[in-house]
PDB file of N, CA and C in Angstrom:
ATOM      1  N   UNK A   1       9.582 -17.159  33.351  1.00  0.00           N
ATOM      2  CA  UNK A   1       9.410 -16.739  32.375  1.00  0.00           C
ATOM      3  C   UNK A   1      10.034 -17.098  31.167  1.00  0.00           C
ATOM      4  N   UNK A   2       9.421 -17.292  30.026  1.00  0.00           N
ATOM      5  CA  UNK A   2       9.879 -18.078  28.926  1.00  0.00           C
ATOM      6  C   UNK A   2      10.861 -17.213  27.794  1.00  0.00           C
ATOM      7  N   UNK A   3      11.164 -17.936  26.849  1.00  0.00           N
ATOM      8  CA  UNK A   3      12.654 -17.373  26.202  1.00  0.00           C
ATOM      9  C   UNK A   3      11.958 -15.933  25.366  1.00  0.00           C
ATOM     10  N   UNK A   4      10.803 -16.291  24.777  1.00  0.00           N
ATOM     11  CA  UNK A   4      10.349 -14.954  24.190  1.00  0.00           C
ATOM     12  C   UNK A   4      10.290 -13.915  24.837  1.00  0.00           C
ATOM     13  N   UNK A   5       9.446 -13.893  26.044  1.00  0.00           N
ATOM     14  CA  UNK A   5       9.335 -12.965  26.957  1.00  0.00           C
ATOM     15  C   UNK A   5      10.612 -12.467  27.113  1.00  0.00           C
ATOM     16  N   UNK A   6      11.598 -13.165  27.676  1.00  0.00           N
ATOM     17  CA  UNK A   6      12.978 -12.545  28.095  1.00  0.00           C
ATOM     18  C   UNK A   6      13.700 -11.704  26.835  1.00  0.00           C
ATOM     19  N   UNK A   7      13.580 -12.471  25.775  1.00  0.00           N
ATOM     20  CA  UNK A   7      14.035 -11.652  24.496  1.00  0.00           C
ATOM     21  C   UNK A   7      13.444 -10.239  24.173  1.00  0.00           C
ATOM     22  N   UNK A   8      11.887 -10.053  24.417  1.00  0.00           N
ATOM     23  CA  UNK A   8      11.221  -8.861  24.281  1.00  0.00           C
ATOM     24  C   UNK A   8      11.724  -8.054  25.368  1.00  0.00           C
ATOM     25  N   UNK A   9      11.814  -8.398  26.833  1.00  0.00           N
ATOM     26  CA  UNK A   9      12.222  -7.517  27.516  1.00  0.00           C
ATOM     27  C   UNK A   9      13.819  -7.056  27.520  1.00  0.00           C
ATOM     28  N   UNK A  10      14.613  -7.973  27.052  1.00  0.00           N
ATOM     29  CA  UNK A  10      15.984  -7.441  26.894  1.00  0.00           C
ATOM     30  C   UNK A  10      16.158  -6.558  25.726  1.00  0.00           C
ATOM     31  N   UNK A  11      15.580  -6.682  24.712  1.00  0.00           N
ATOM     32  CA  UNK A  11      15.154  -5.850  23.512  1.00  0.00           C
ATOM     33  C   UNK A  11      14.506  -4.343  24.050  1.00  0.00           C
ATOM     34  N   UNK A  12      13.639  -4.455  24.879  1.00  0.00           N
ATOM     35  CA  UNK A  12      13.128  -3.202  25.392  1.00  0.00           C
ATOM     36  C   UNK A  12      14.214  -2.295  26.177  1.00  0.00           C
ATOM     37  N   UNK A  13      15.014  -3.107  27.023  1.00  0.00           N
ATOM     38  CA  UNK A  13      15.709  -2.542  27.832  1.00  0.00           C
ATOM     39  C   UNK A  13      17.148  -1.948  26.714  1.00  0.00           C
ATOM     40  N   UNK A  14      17.375  -2.346  26.004  1.00  0.00           N
ATOM     41  CA  UNK A  14      18.358  -1.985  25.068  1.00  0.00           C
ATOM     42  C   UNK A  14      17.879  -0.955  23.717  1.00  0.00           C
ATOM     43  N   UNK A  15      16.692  -0.716  23.824  1.00  0.00           N
ATOM     44  CA  UNK A  15      15.969   0.283  23.190  1.00  0.00           C
ATOM     45  C   UNK A  15      15.606  -0.375  21.723  1.00  0.00           C
ATOM     46  N   UNK A  16      15.797  -1.312  21.433  1.00  0.00           N
ATOM     47  CA  UNK A  16      15.376  -2.037  20.041  1.00  0.00           C
ATOM     48  C   UNK A  16      13.691  -1.946  20.039  1.00  0.00           C
ATOM     49  N   UNK A  17      12.920  -1.823  20.808  1.00  0.00           N
ATOM     50  CA  UNK A  17      11.275  -1.823  20.620  1.00  0.00           C
ATOM     51  C   UNK A  17      10.992  -0.594  20.894  1.00  0.00           C
ATOM     52  N   UNK A  18      11.677   0.588  20.825  1.00  0.00           N
ATOM     53  CA  UNK A  18      11.181   1.885  21.245  1.00  0.00           C
ATOM     54  C   UNK A  18      10.004   2.101  20.551  1.00  0.00           C
ATOM     55  N   UNK A  19       8.929   2.769  21.262  1.00  0.00           N
ATOM     56  CA  UNK A  19       7.629   3.316  20.562  1.00  0.00           C
ATOM     57  C   UNK A  19       6.731   2.070  19.925  1.00  0.00           C
ATOM     58  N   UNK A  20       7.160   0.758  20.311  1.00  0.00           N
ATOM     59  CA  UNK A  20       6.607  -0.045  19.521  1.00  0.00           C
ATOM     60  C   UNK A  20       5.010  -0.141  20.043  1.00  0.00           C
ATOM     61  N   UNK A  21       4.746   0.047  21.379  1.00  0.00           N
ATOM     62  CA  UNK A  21       3.380   0.030  21.486  1.00  0.00           C
ATOM     63  C   UNK A  21       2.715   1.084  20.908  1.00  0.00           C
ATOM     64  N   UNK A  22       3.390   2.172  20.712  1.00  0.00           N
ATOM     65  CA  UNK A  22       2.498   3.421  20.253  1.00  0.00           C
ATOM     66  C   UNK A  22       2.276   2.971  18.726  1.00  0.00           C
ATOM     67  N   UNK A  23       3.078   2.366  18.129  1.00  0.00           N
ATOM     68  CA  UNK A  23       2.911   1.974  16.398  1.00  0.00           C
ATOM     69  C   UNK A  23       1.914   1.154  16.487  1.00  0.00           C
ATOM     70  N   UNK A  24       1.788   0.103  17.516  1.00  0.00           N
ATOM     71  CA  UNK A  24       0.854  -1.093  17.340  1.00  0.00           C
ATOM     72  C   UNK A  24      -0.311  -0.247  17.546  1.00  0.00           C
ATOM     73  N   UNK A  25      -0.608   0.587  18.635  1.00  0.00           N
ATOM     74  CA  UNK A  25      -1.912   1.440  19.104  1.00  0.00           C
ATOM     75  C   UNK A  25      -2.319   1.920  17.721  1.00  0.00           C
ATOM     76  N   UNK A  26      -1.586   2.843  16.926  1.00  0.00           N
ATOM     77  CA  UNK A  26      -1.798   3.509  15.974  1.00  0.00           C
ATOM     78  C   UNK A  26      -2.413   2.524  14.923  1.00  0.00           C
ATOM     79  N   UNK A  27      -1.854   1.352  14.663  1.00  0.00           N
ATOM     80  CA  UNK A  27      -2.304   0.256  13.726  1.00  0.00           C
ATOM     81  C   UNK A  27      -3.739  -0.113  13.998  1.00  0.00           C
ATOM     82  N   UNK A  28      -3.647  -0.534  15.111  1.00  0.00           N
ATOM     83  CA  UNK A  28      -4.820  -1.184  15.735  1.00  0.00           C
ATOM     84  C   UNK A  28      -6.329   0.032  15.342  1.00  0.00           C
ATOM     85  N   UNK A  29      -6.099   1.302  15.700  1.00  0.00           N
ATOM     86  CA  UNK A  29      -6.840   2.262  15.717  1.00  0.00           C
ATOM     87  C   UNK A  29      -7.367   2.437  14.367  1.00  0.00           C
ATOM     88  N   UNK A  30      -6.308   2.753  13.482  1.00  0.00           N
ATOM     89  CA  UNK A  30      -6.650   2.653  11.920  1.00  0.00           C
ATOM     90  C   UNK A  30      -7.578   1.393  11.525  1.00  0.00           C
ATOM     91  N   UNK A  31      -7.223   0.108  11.865  1.00  0.00           N
ATOM     92  CA  UNK A  31      -7.826  -0.953  11.284  1.00  0.00           C
ATOM     93  C   UNK A  31      -9.163  -0.979  12.164  1.00  0.00           C
ATOM     94  N   UNK A  32      -9.533  -0.458  13.352  1.00  0.00           N
ATOM     95  CA  UNK A  32     -10.691  -0.333  14.018  1.00  0.00           C
ATOM     96  C   UNK A  32     -11.501   0.642  13.442  1.00  0.00           C
ATOM     97  N   UNK A  33     -11.153   1.605  13.011  1.00  0.00           N
ATOM     98  CA  UNK A  33     -11.722   2.697  12.037  1.00  0.00           C
ATOM     99  C   UNK A  33     -12.318   2.230  10.773  1.00  0.00           C
ATOM    100  N   UNK A  34     -11.532   1.511  10.219  1.00  0.00           N
ATOM    101  CA  UNK A  34     -11.891   0.792   8.864  1.00  0.00           C
ATOM    102  C   UNK A  34     -13.085  -0.206   9.249  1.00  0.00           C
ATOM    103  N   UNK A  35     -12.902  -0.924   9.985  1.00  0.00           N
ATOM    104  CA  UNK A  35     -13.774  -1.876  10.320  1.00  0.00           C
ATOM    105  C   UNK A  35     -15.122  -1.332  10.617  1.00  0.00           C
ATOM    106  N   UNK A  36     -15.355  -0.278  11.480  1.00  0.00           N
ATOM    107  CA  UNK A  36     -16.636   0.349  11.761  1.00  0.00           C
ATOM    108  C   UNK A  36     -16.925   1.134  10.462  1.00  0.00           C
ATOM    109  N   UNK A  37     -16.201   1.418   9.778  1.00  0.00           N
ATOM    110  CA  UNK A  37     -16.933   1.975   8.385  1.00  0.00           C
ATOM    111  C   UNK A  37     -17.161   0.862   7.611  1.00  0.00           C
ATOM    112  N   UNK A  38     -16.488  -0.112   7.580  1.00  0.00           N
ATOM    113  CA  UNK A  38     -17.039  -1.208   6.637  1.00  0.00           C
ATOM    114  C   UNK A  38     -18.470  -1.670   7.263  1.00  0.00           C
ATOM    115  N   UNK A  39     -18.513  -1.802   8.500  1.00  0.00           N
ATOM    116  CA  UNK A  39     -20.287  -2.407   9.000  1.00  0.00           C
ATOM    117  C   UNK A  39     -20.922  -1.004   8.588  1.00  0.00           C
ATOM    118  N   UNK A  40     -20.782   0.065   8.717  1.00  0.00           N
ATOM    119  CA  UNK A  40     -21.509   1.250   8.301  1.00  0.00           C
ATOM    120  C   UNK A  40     -22.108   1.230   7.017  1.00  0.00           C
ATOM    121  N   UNK A  41     -21.131   0.769   6.182  1.00  0.00           N
ATOM    122  CA  UNK A  41     -21.345   0.540   4.582  1.00  0.00           C
ATOM    123  C   UNK A  41     -22.338  -0.584   4.445  1.00  0.00           C
ATOM    124  N   UNK A  42     -22.081  -1.670   5.037  1.00  0.00           N
ATOM    125  CA  UNK A  42     -22.969  -2.722   5.144  1.00  0.00           C
ATOM    126  C   UNK A  42     -24.309  -2.385   5.637  1.00  0.00           C
ATOM    127  N   UNK A  43     -24.244  -1.613   6.601  1.00  0.00           N
ATOM    128  CA  UNK A  43     -26.001  -1.291   7.132  1.00  0.00           C
ATOM    129  C   UNK A  43     -26.573  -0.416   6.226  1.00  0.00           C
ATOM    130  N   UNK A  44     -25.712   0.394   5.548  1.00  0.00           N
ATOM    131  CA  UNK A  44     -26.475   1.310   4.344  1.00  0.00           C
ATOM    132  C   UNK A  44     -26.841   0.471   3.326  1.00  0.00           C
ATOM    133  N   UNK A  45     -25.902  -0.610   3.074  1.00  0.00           N
ATOM    134  CA  UNK A  45     -26.570  -1.561   1.816  1.00  0.00           C
ATOM    135  C   UNK A  45     -27.846  -2.186   2.291  1.00  0.00           C
ATOM    136  N   UNK A  46     -27.946  -2.516   3.271  1.00  0.00           N
ATOM    137  CA  UNK A  46     -28.967  -3.469   3.925  1.00  0.00           C
ATOM    138  C   UNK A  46     -30.419  -2.332   4.008  1.00  0.00           C
ATOM    139  N   UNK A  47     -29.954  -1.258   4.215  1.00  0.00           N
ATOM    140  CA  UNK A  47     -31.374  -0.348   4.361  1.00  0.00           C
ATOM    141  C   UNK A  47     -31.556  -0.064   2.845  1.00  0.00           C
ATOM    142  N   UNK A  48     -30.957   0.066   2.003  1.00  0.00           N
ATOM    143  CA  UNK A  48     -31.348   0.183   0.703  1.00  0.00           C
ATOM    144  C   UNK A  48     -32.116  -1.009   0.388  1.00  0.00           C
ATOM    145  N   UNK A  49     -32.030  -2.109   0.633  1.00  0.00           N
ATOM    146  CA  UNK A  49     -32.828  -3.056   0.385  1.00  0.00           C
ATOM    147  C   UNK A  49     -33.895  -3.475   1.185  1.00  0.00           C
ATOM    148  N   UNK A  50     -34.162  -2.578   2.050  1.00  0.00           N
ATOM    149  CA  UNK A  50     -35.337  -2.675   3.178  1.00  0.00           C
ATOM    150  C   UNK A  50     -34.858  -3.980   3.871  1.00  0.00           C
ATOM    151  N   UNK A  51     -33.638  -4.513   4.228  1.00  0.00           N
ATOM    152  CA  UNK A  51     -33.414  -5.302   5.301  1.00  0.00           C
ATOM    153  C   UNK A  51     -33.395  -4.809   6.576  1.00  0.00           C
ATOM    154  N   UNK A  52     -34.375  -4.391   7.149  1.00  0.00           N
ATOM    155  CA  UNK A  52     -34.434  -3.248   8.677  1.00  0.00           C
ATOM    156  C   UNK A  52     -33.669  -4.305   9.543  1.00  0.00           C
ATOM    157  N   UNK A  53     -34.128  -5.629   9.498  1.00  0.00           N
ATOM    158  CA  UNK A  53     -33.586  -6.453  10.823  1.00  0.00           C
ATOM    159  C   UNK A  53     -31.825  -6.628  10.602  1.00  0.00           C
ATOM    160  N   UNK A  54     -31.303  -6.390   9.584  1.00  0.00           N
ATOM    161  CA  UNK A  54     -29.959  -6.732   9.658  1.00  0.00           C
ATOM    162  C   UNK A  54     -29.261  -5.374   9.774  1.00  0.00           C
ATOM    163  N   UNK A  55     -29.593  -4.100   9.353  1.00  0.00           N
ATOM    164  CA  UNK A  55     -29.507  -2.772   9.592  1.00  0.00           C
ATOM    165  C   UNK A  55     -29.590  -2.662  11.086  1.00  0.00           C
ATOM    166  N   UNK A  56     -30.580  -2.980  11.766  1.00  0.00           N
ATOM    167  CA  UNK A  56     -30.847  -2.568  13.175  1.00  0.00           C
ATOM    168  C   UNK A  56     -29.965  -3.473  13.846  1.00  0.00           C
ATOM    169  N   UNK A  57     -29.457  -4.864  13.528  1.00  0.00           N
ATOM    170  CA  UNK A  57     -28.649  -5.728  14.114  1.00  0.00           C
ATOM    171  C   UNK A  57     -27.056  -5.076  14.108  1.00  0.00           C
ATOM    172  N   UNK A  58     -27.027  -4.592  13.111  1.00  0.00           N
ATOM    173  CA  UNK A  58     -25.391  -3.852  13.069  1.00  0.00           C
ATOM    174  C   UNK A  58     -25.562  -2.689  13.892  1.00  0.00           C
ATOM    175  N   UNK A  59     -26.496  -1.732  13.895  1.00  0.00           N
ATOM    176  CA  UNK A  59     -26.622  -0.744  14.813  1.00  0.00           C
ATOM    177  C   UNK A  59     -26.546  -1.013  16.242  1.00  0.00           C
ATOM    178  N   UNK A  60     -27.260  -2.202  16.339  1.00  0.00           N
ATOM    179  CA  UNK A  60     -27.408  -2.577  17.809  1.00  0.00           C
ATOM    180  C   UNK A  60     -26.248  -3.323  18.498  1.00  0.00           C
ATOM    181  N   UNK A  61     -25.487  -4.123  17.753  1.00  0.00           N
ATOM    182  CA  UNK A  61     -24.291  -4.820  18.091  1.00  0.00           C
ATOM    183  C   UNK A  61     -23.164  -3.809  18.187  1.00  0.00           C
ATOM    184  N   UNK A  62     -23.121  -2.695  17.434  1.00  0.00           N
ATOM    185  CA  UNK A  62     -22.110  -1.565  17.622  1.00  0.00           C
ATOM    186  C   UNK A  62     -22.367  -1.086  19.196  1.00  0.00           C
ATOM    187  N   UNK A  63     -23.604  -0.627  19.082  1.00  0.00           N
ATOM    188  CA  UNK A  63     -23.774   0.069  20.283  1.00  0.00           C
ATOM    189  C   UNK A  63     -23.663  -0.819  21.597  1.00  0.00           C
ATOM    190  N   UNK A  64     -23.583  -2.278  21.459  1.00  0.00           N
ATOM    191  CA  UNK A  64     -23.423  -3.131  22.737  1.00  0.00           C
ATOM    192  C   UNK A  64     -21.704  -2.804  23.129  1.00  0.00           C
ATOM    193  N   UNK A  65     -21.200  -2.598  21.877  1.00  0.00           N
ATOM    194  CA  UNK A  65     -19.436  -2.469  22.341  1.00  0.00           C
ATOM    195  C   UNK A  65     -19.002  -0.955  22.413  1.00  0.00           C
ATOM    196  N   UNK A  66     -19.890  -0.307  22.493  1.00  0.00           N
ATOM    197  CA  UNK A  66     -19.689   1.168  22.828  1.00  0.00           C
ATOM    198  C   UNK A  66     -19.564   2.220  21.578  1.00  0.00           C
ATOM    199  N   UNK A  67     -20.202   1.648  20.372  1.00  0.00           N
ATOM    200  CA  UNK A  67     -20.030   2.572  19.243  1.00  0.00           C
ATOM    201  C   UNK A  67     -21.549   2.924  18.565  1.00  0.00           C
ATOM    202  N   UNK A  68     -21.911   4.329  18.760  1.00  0.00           N
ATOM    203  CA  UNK A  68     -23.161   4.758  18.541  1.00  0.00           C
ATOM    204  C   UNK A  68     -23.147   5.361  17.219  1.00  0.00           C
ATOM    205  N   UNK A  69     -24.290   5.033  16.409  1.00  0.00           N
ATOM    206  CA  UNK A  69     -24.575   5.498  15.011  1.00  0.00           C
ATOM    207  C   UNK A  69     -25.311   6.623  15.020  1.00  0.00           C
ATOM    208  N   UNK A  70     -25.091   7.497  14.092  1.00  0.00           N
ATOM    209  CA  UNK A  70     -26.437   8.789  13.942  1.00  0.00           C
ATOM    210  C   UNK A  70     -26.480   8.895  12.554  1.00  0.00           C
ATOM    211  N   UNK A  71     -27.589   8.621  11.896  1.00  0.00           N
ATOM    212  CA  UNK A  71     -27.811   8.833  10.675  1.00  0.00           C
ATOM    213  C   UNK A  71     -28.151  10.391  10.633  1.00  0.00           C
ATOM    214  N   UNK A  72     -27.395  11.030   9.672  1.00  0.00           N
ATOM    215  CA  UNK A  72     -27.551  12.474   9.469  1.00  0.00           C
ATOM    216  C   UNK A  72     -27.812  12.757   7.796  1.00  0.00           C
ATOM    217  N   UNK A  73     -28.333  13.722   7.503  1.00  0.00           N
ATOM    218  CA  UNK A  73     -28.614  14.101   6.252  1.00  0.00           C
ATOM    219  C   UNK A  73     -27.236  13.965   5.525  1.00  0.00           C
ATOM    220  N   UNK A  74     -25.953  13.908   5.940  1.00  0.00           N
ATOM    221  CA  UNK A  74     -24.926  13.989   5.223  1.00  0.00           C
ATOM    222  C   UNK A  74     -24.221  12.213   5.124  1.00  0.00           C
ATOM    223  N   UNK A  75     -25.106  11.739   6.007  1.00  0.00           N
ATOM    224  CA  UNK A  75     -24.580  10.111   6.205  1.00  0.00           C
ATOM    225  C   UNK A  75     -24.461   9.675   7.599  1.00  0.00           C
ATOM    226  N   UNK A  76     -23.914   8.441   7.652  1.00  0.00           N
ATOM    227  CA  UNK A  76     -23.973   7.944   8.957  1.00  0.00           C
ATOM    228  C   UNK A  76     -22.620   8.192   9.536  1.00  0.00           C
ATOM    229  N   UNK A  77     -22.796   8.708  10.856  1.00  0.00           N
ATOM    230  CA  UNK A  77     -21.453   9.163  11.617  1.00  0.00           C
ATOM    231  C   UNK A  77     -21.845   8.196  12.790  1.00  0.00           C
ATOM    232  N   UNK A  78     -20.572   8.093  13.438  1.00  0.00           N
ATOM    233  CA  UNK A  78     -20.328   7.201  14.365  1.00  0.00           C
ATOM    234  C   UNK A  78     -19.435   7.647  15.809  1.00  0.00           C
ATOM    235  N   UNK A  79     -19.726   7.474  16.994  1.00  0.00           N
ATOM    236  CA  UNK A  79     -18.893   8.156  18.142  1.00  0.00           C
ATOM    237  C   UNK A  79     -19.119   6.992  19.091  1.00  0.00           C
ATOM    238  N   UNK A  80     -17.761   6.953  20.050  1.00  0.00           N
ATOM    239  CA  UNK A  80     -17.608   6.158  21.068  1.00  0.00           C
ATOM    240  C   UNK A  80     -18.576   6.579  22.147  1.00  0.00           C
ATOM    241  N   UNK A  81     -19.145   5.885  22.830  1.00  0.00           N
ATOM    242  CA  UNK A  81     -20.221   6.277  23.729  1.00  0.00           C
ATOM    243  C   UNK A  81     -19.743   5.473  25.503  1.00  0.00           C
TER     244      UNK A  81
END
């Protein structure tokens, strides 16, 4: 066990890092949602200029990691699959 790991474990026992994992997960969830939305926005721009290859690549790559895009009359929405 290295010093950093020991320090974290000691801090956890003493209560210094209470809810740390929940806070990190929440932050990561927010960032993940923003990144998916950024990719959706890029895909929309590619579709506007008829770059179907890139628009399809974004959709297909997101699907590979478990995110399905659905184009609706109100815009593109996504869900985890």
